[in-house]
Amino acid sequence: PGSWVTLGGSPAGASYLERKHQAGASFVGTQSCDDAQEESARASCRKHVEEALHPQVFLDCIFDICHGGDESFAAAAAAFLG
């Protein structure tokens, strides 16, 4: 599996994100999906992440796209899984 650093981020950035994560911060917009948008998000995620092998990452991918992301988020999830 990847990490923030292996994806090209700095150790300082990784530390910052970890502190924010532990504090419960959210970096995702508040936009949400209707049924059609959620199905589109699922289709994008399916192109990059195998749901059966990585069910939580797959659900996170859908959430990310439904809350302001795009297909590049699915590609990033796949890169993280390496």
Protein backbone atom coordinates (compact mmCIF):
# COMPACT_ATOMS: atom_id res chain seq x y z
CA PRO A 1 0.00 0.00 0.00
CA GLY A 2 1.03 3.58 -0.56
CA SER A 3 1.31 6.50 1.76
CA TRP A 4 1.22 10.25 1.37
CA VAL A 5 5.00 10.25 1.04
CA THR A 6 5.14 7.43 -1.54
CA LEU A 7 2.56 9.36 -3.58
CA GLY A 8 4.93 12.31 -3.71
CA GLY A 9 3.95 14.23 -0.59
CA SER A 10 6.37 15.43 2.04
CA PRO A 11 6.82 13.90 5.50
CA ALA A 12 5.70 17.24 6.96
CA GLY A 13 2.54 17.10 4.84
CA ALA A 14 1.90 13.52 5.94
CA SER A 15 2.26 14.55 9.57
CA TYR A 16 -0.12 17.50 9.10
CA LEU A 17 -2.76 15.32 7.41
CA GLU A 18 -2.45 12.66 10.10
CA ARG A 19 -2.99 15.24 12.87
CA LYS A 20 -6.03 16.63 11.04
CA HIS A 21 -7.38 13.12 10.47
CA GLN A 22 -6.99 12.26 14.16
CA ALA A 23 -8.81 15.48 15.04
CA GLY A 24 -11.70 14.45 12.79
CA ALA A 25 -11.19 17.18 10.19
CA SER A 26 -12.76 16.75 6.78
CA PHE A 27 -11.08 17.95 3.60
CA VAL A 28 -14.01 17.10 1.35
CA GLY A 29 -16.70 19.48 0.18
CA THR A 30 -20.27 19.23 1.38
CA GLN A 31 -21.78 18.53 -2.04
CA SER A 32 -23.66 15.23 -2.28
CA CYS A 33 -24.95 12.92 -5.01
CA ASP A 34 -28.39 12.03 -6.21
CA ASP A 35 -28.93 8.43 -7.39
CA ALA A 36 -27.72 9.08 -10.95
CA GLN A 37 -24.59 10.89 -9.74
CA GLU A 38 -23.85 8.11 -7.27
CA GLU A 39 -24.10 5.52 -10.05
CA SER A 40 -21.74 7.62 -12.15
CA ALA A 41 -19.32 7.77 -9.20
CA ARG A 42 -19.58 3.98 -8.83
CA ALA A 43 -18.76 3.56 -12.52
CA SER A 44 -15.70 5.81 -12.18
CA CYS A 45 -14.52 3.93 -9.10
CA ARG A 46 -15.07 0.55 -10.79
CA LYS A 47 -12.62 1.57 -13.52
CA HIS A 48 -9.84 1.93 -10.96
CA VAL A 49 -10.64 0.00 -7.75
CA GLU A 50 -11.76 -3.62 -7.43
CA GLU A 51 -14.73 -3.53 -5.07
CA ALA A 52 -14.39 -7.18 -4.00
CA LEU A 53 -10.69 -6.79 -3.10
CA HIS A 54 -10.88 -3.34 -1.50
CA PRO A 55 -14.48 -2.75 -0.38
CA GLN A 56 -13.72 0.11 2.02
CA VAL A 57 -11.51 1.94 -0.48
CA PHE A 58 -14.26 1.47 -3.09
CA LEU A 59 -16.87 3.03 -0.77
CA ASP A 60 -14.46 5.83 0.12
CA CYS A 61 -13.92 6.46 -3.60
CA ILE A 62 -17.67 6.85 -4.16
CA PHE A 63 -17.92 9.17 -1.17
CA ASP A 64 -15.02 11.30 -2.40
CA ILE A 65 -16.46 11.69 -5.89
CA CYS A 66 -19.95 12.40 -4.52
CA HIS A 67 -18.57 15.11 -2.26
CA GLY A 68 -16.75 17.18 -4.81
CA GLY A 69 -14.12 14.92 -6.35
CA ASP A 70 -13.78 13.61 -9.87
CA GLU A 71 -12.40 10.50 -11.56
CA SER A 72 -8.86 11.57 -10.65
CA PHE A 73 -9.80 10.67 -7.06
CA ALA A 74 -10.49 7.09 -8.19
CA ALA A 75 -7.14 7.01 -9.99
CA ALA A 76 -5.42 8.28 -6.84
CA ALA A 77 -7.08 5.53 -4.80
CA ALA A 78 -5.77 2.95 -7.27
CA ALA A 79 -2.27 4.46 -7.06
CA PHE A 80 -2.47 4.33 -3.28
CA LEU A 81 -3.33 0.64 -3.40
CA GLY A 82 -0.35 0.20 -5.73
